[in-house]
Protein backbone atom coordinates (compact mmCIF):
# COMPACT_ATOMS: atom_id res chain seq x y z
CA MET A 1 -87.38 -63.77 153.49
CA PRO A 2 -83.90 -63.00 152.33
CA ALA A 3 -83.44 -62.18 148.46
CA LYS A 4 -83.79 -64.11 145.59
CA THR A 5 -81.74 -65.34 142.78
CA TYR A 6 -82.49 -65.60 139.56
CA VAL A 7 -80.80 -68.25 137.26
CA GLN A 8 -81.11 -69.71 134.08
CA THR A 9 -79.89 -73.20 133.42
CA THR A 10 -80.55 -76.74 131.39
CA ILE A 11 -82.34 -79.61 132.37
CA ASN A 12 -82.52 -82.16 130.49
CA GLY A 13 -81.93 -80.55 127.66
CA GLU A 14 -84.51 -77.64 128.43
CA HIS A 15 -83.88 -74.26 129.37
CA VAL A 16 -85.23 -73.64 132.49
CA ASP A 17 -85.20 -70.26 134.59
CA PHE A 18 -86.07 -70.54 137.91
CA LEU A 19 -85.59 -68.26 141.64
CA CYS A 20 -83.97 -69.42 144.56
CA GLU A 21 -82.53 -68.30 147.64
CA PRO A 22 -78.13 -68.21 147.85
CA ARG A 23 -79.12 -71.13 150.70
CA GLN A 24 -80.62 -73.76 148.65
CA SER A 25 -79.64 -76.37 147.61
CA LEU A 26 -79.75 -77.68 144.30
CA LEU A 27 -82.00 -81.00 145.39
CA GLU A 28 -84.80 -78.35 146.89
CA CYS A 29 -84.27 -76.17 144.04
CA LEU A 30 -85.26 -78.79 141.62
CA ARG A 31 -87.53 -81.21 143.55
CA ASP A 32 -89.39 -77.87 144.81
CA GLU A 33 -88.96 -74.64 143.02
CA ILE A 34 -89.00 -76.68 139.25
CA GLY A 35 -91.23 -79.93 140.15
CA LEU A 36 -88.36 -82.16 139.15
CA THR A 37 -89.28 -84.87 142.16
CA GLY A 38 -87.60 -87.86 140.67
CA THR A 39 -84.28 -86.70 142.33
CA LYS A 40 -84.29 -88.36 146.26
CA GLU A 41 -83.67 -86.77 149.48
CA GLY A 42 -82.28 -89.37 151.67
CA CYS A 43 -78.73 -88.20 154.03
CA ASN A 44 -78.90 -84.64 153.10
CA ASP A 45 -75.42 -84.81 153.40
CA GLY A 46 -73.70 -85.73 150.48
CA ASN A 47 -73.17 -89.92 152.28
CA CYS A 48 -76.29 -91.62 150.29
CA GLY A 49 -76.42 -90.88 146.90
CA ALA A 50 -79.40 -90.50 146.63
CA CYS A 51 -79.70 -86.89 145.20
CA THR A 52 -76.96 -87.65 142.71
CA VAL A 53 -77.34 -85.61 139.19
CA ASN A 54 -74.88 -84.97 136.39
CA ILE A 55 -73.47 -81.51 136.23
CA ASP A 56 -71.51 -80.84 133.04
CA GLY A 57 -70.59 -84.46 132.54
CA ARG A 58 -69.75 -84.53 136.45
CA ILE A 59 -72.06 -86.27 139.15
CA VAL A 60 -72.82 -84.71 142.17
CA THR A 61 -74.58 -85.18 144.98
CA SER A 62 -77.38 -82.22 144.33
CA CYS A 63 -77.76 -81.91 148.17
CA LEU A 64 -73.90 -80.29 148.35
CA VAL A 65 -74.71 -78.04 145.37
CA LEU A 66 -76.21 -74.65 146.01
CA GLY A 67 -78.93 -73.95 143.40
CA VAL A 68 -76.97 -70.75 142.18
CA GLU A 69 -74.46 -72.91 141.62
CA ALA A 70 -76.72 -74.40 138.50
CA GLU A 71 -76.65 -70.69 136.51
CA GLY A 72 -75.17 -71.60 133.12
CA ALA A 73 -75.12 -75.42 133.73
CA ASP A 74 -75.96 -78.81 132.03
CA ILE A 75 -77.68 -80.75 134.52
CA GLU A 76 -78.98 -83.72 133.38
CA THR A 77 -81.96 -85.80 135.60
CA ILE A 78 -83.47 -89.26 136.09
CA GLU A 79 -86.36 -87.54 134.21
CA GLY A 80 -83.98 -86.97 131.57
CA VAL A 81 -82.70 -90.87 131.27
CA ALA A 82 -85.35 -91.98 129.45
CA ASP A 83 -86.40 -91.34 125.75
CA GLY A 84 -90.10 -90.08 126.01
CA SER A 85 -92.02 -93.05 126.96
CA ASN A 86 -89.42 -95.29 126.32
CA LEU A 87 -87.00 -96.04 129.26
CA HIS A 88 -83.02 -96.31 129.14
CA PRO A 89 -81.66 -99.39 128.53
CA LEU A 90 -80.32 -99.13 131.71
CA GLN A 91 -83.85 -98.52 133.23
CA LEU A 92 -84.90 -101.66 131.51
CA ALA A 93 -81.93 -103.47 133.24
CA PHE A 94 -82.60 -102.40 136.90
CA LEU A 95 -86.22 -103.62 135.88
CA GLU A 96 -85.93 -106.87 134.96
CA ASN A 97 -82.66 -108.04 137.04
CA ALA A 98 -85.04 -106.17 140.06
CA ALA A 99 -81.90 -104.25 140.91
CA LEU A 100 -84.65 -102.11 143.11
CA GLN A 101 -87.15 -101.93 146.06
CA CYS A 102 -88.16 -99.34 147.83
CA GLY A 103 -86.31 -96.87 144.99
CA ILE A 104 -85.29 -93.84 147.23
CA CYS A 105 -82.05 -94.98 145.76
CA THR A 106 -82.39 -95.68 142.44
CA PRO A 107 -82.60 -92.22 140.61
CA GLY A 108 -78.93 -91.93 142.13
CA PHE A 109 -77.82 -95.48 141.08
CA ILE A 110 -78.84 -94.62 137.62
CA ILE A 111 -77.38 -91.19 137.01
CA SER A 112 -74.36 -92.93 138.54
CA SER A 113 -74.21 -96.30 136.18
CA LYS A 114 -75.13 -94.34 133.01
CA ALA A 115 -71.71 -91.40 133.43
CA LEU A 116 -69.57 -94.91 133.99
CA LEU A 117 -71.31 -96.59 131.02
CA GLU A 118 -70.79 -93.50 128.91
CA GLN A 119 -67.56 -93.84 130.36
CA ASN A 120 -66.28 -96.99 130.59
CA PRO A 121 -69.39 -99.44 128.14
CA ASN A 122 -67.72 -102.86 129.27
CA PRO A 123 -67.29 -102.10 132.90
CA SER A 124 -65.81 -104.95 135.55
CA GLU A 125 -68.03 -105.74 138.26
CA HIS A 126 -65.19 -104.13 140.20
CA GLU A 127 -65.46 -101.46 138.52
CA ILE A 128 -68.88 -101.10 139.05
CA ARG A 129 -68.90 -102.07 142.43
CA PHE A 130 -66.02 -99.16 142.94
CA TRP A 131 -67.80 -96.65 140.91
CA LEU A 132 -71.06 -96.69 142.83
CA ALA A 133 -69.43 -96.71 146.37
CA ASN A 134 -70.91 -93.81 146.83
CA ASN A 135 -74.86 -94.88 146.63
CA LEU A 136 -76.12 -96.40 149.05
CA CYS A 137 -78.92 -98.83 149.03
CA ARG A 138 -80.46 -100.51 152.73
CA CYS A 139 -82.19 -102.76 150.39
CA THR A 140 -80.94 -104.45 147.72
CA GLY A 141 -78.15 -105.79 148.89
CA TYR A 142 -76.40 -104.75 145.94
CA ASP A 143 -75.14 -107.88 143.91
CA LYS A 144 -78.80 -107.24 142.01
CA ILE A 145 -77.75 -103.18 141.18
CA VAL A 146 -74.35 -104.73 139.62
CA ARG A 147 -75.58 -107.08 137.44
CA ALA A 148 -77.82 -105.13 136.00
CA VAL A 149 -74.90 -102.58 135.12
CA GLN A 150 -73.84 -105.15 133.07
CA ASP A 151 -76.73 -106.75 131.62
CA ALA A 152 -76.94 -102.49 130.65
CA ALA A 153 -73.63 -102.52 129.40
CA LYS A 154 -74.12 -105.68 127.25
CA ARG A 155 -77.59 -104.21 125.55
CA LEU A 156 -75.85 -101.02 125.18
CA GLN A 157 -73.61 -102.71 122.89
CA GLU A 158 -75.21 -104.71 121.18
CA ALA A 159 -77.59 -101.63 120.40
């Protein structure tokens, strides 16, 4: 068995220490070592966006990042989007606009959409579709997802 590496990071505002093998992806570490199973494995080759997380202000597919690269990083996963039991306006919009079905892609879409709305609080439909182009959904057809992001943008502007 390869030697494990000690990693210290911040996940969803909490200091986290974990051990991982140098070959383990951040996705594997989140799910298997830390127990945060909200981030989903889709393709495991960076093409679907299901495992998207925010690392130091950049959205990345966690299946393509090594766990050891999390050292000292500030990571946000889907578990950190809600404020306790209060859902984020984006999560509410996804629910109310039926922008999810099987749920595999939903965490990645929400993390990506949240990053978009933080950068551009009033995106056009074209900007939303362009921003989310790296996130694939095999169930919804995308229109409901785009409407949910538009709805969340309005909710956040009104708040």
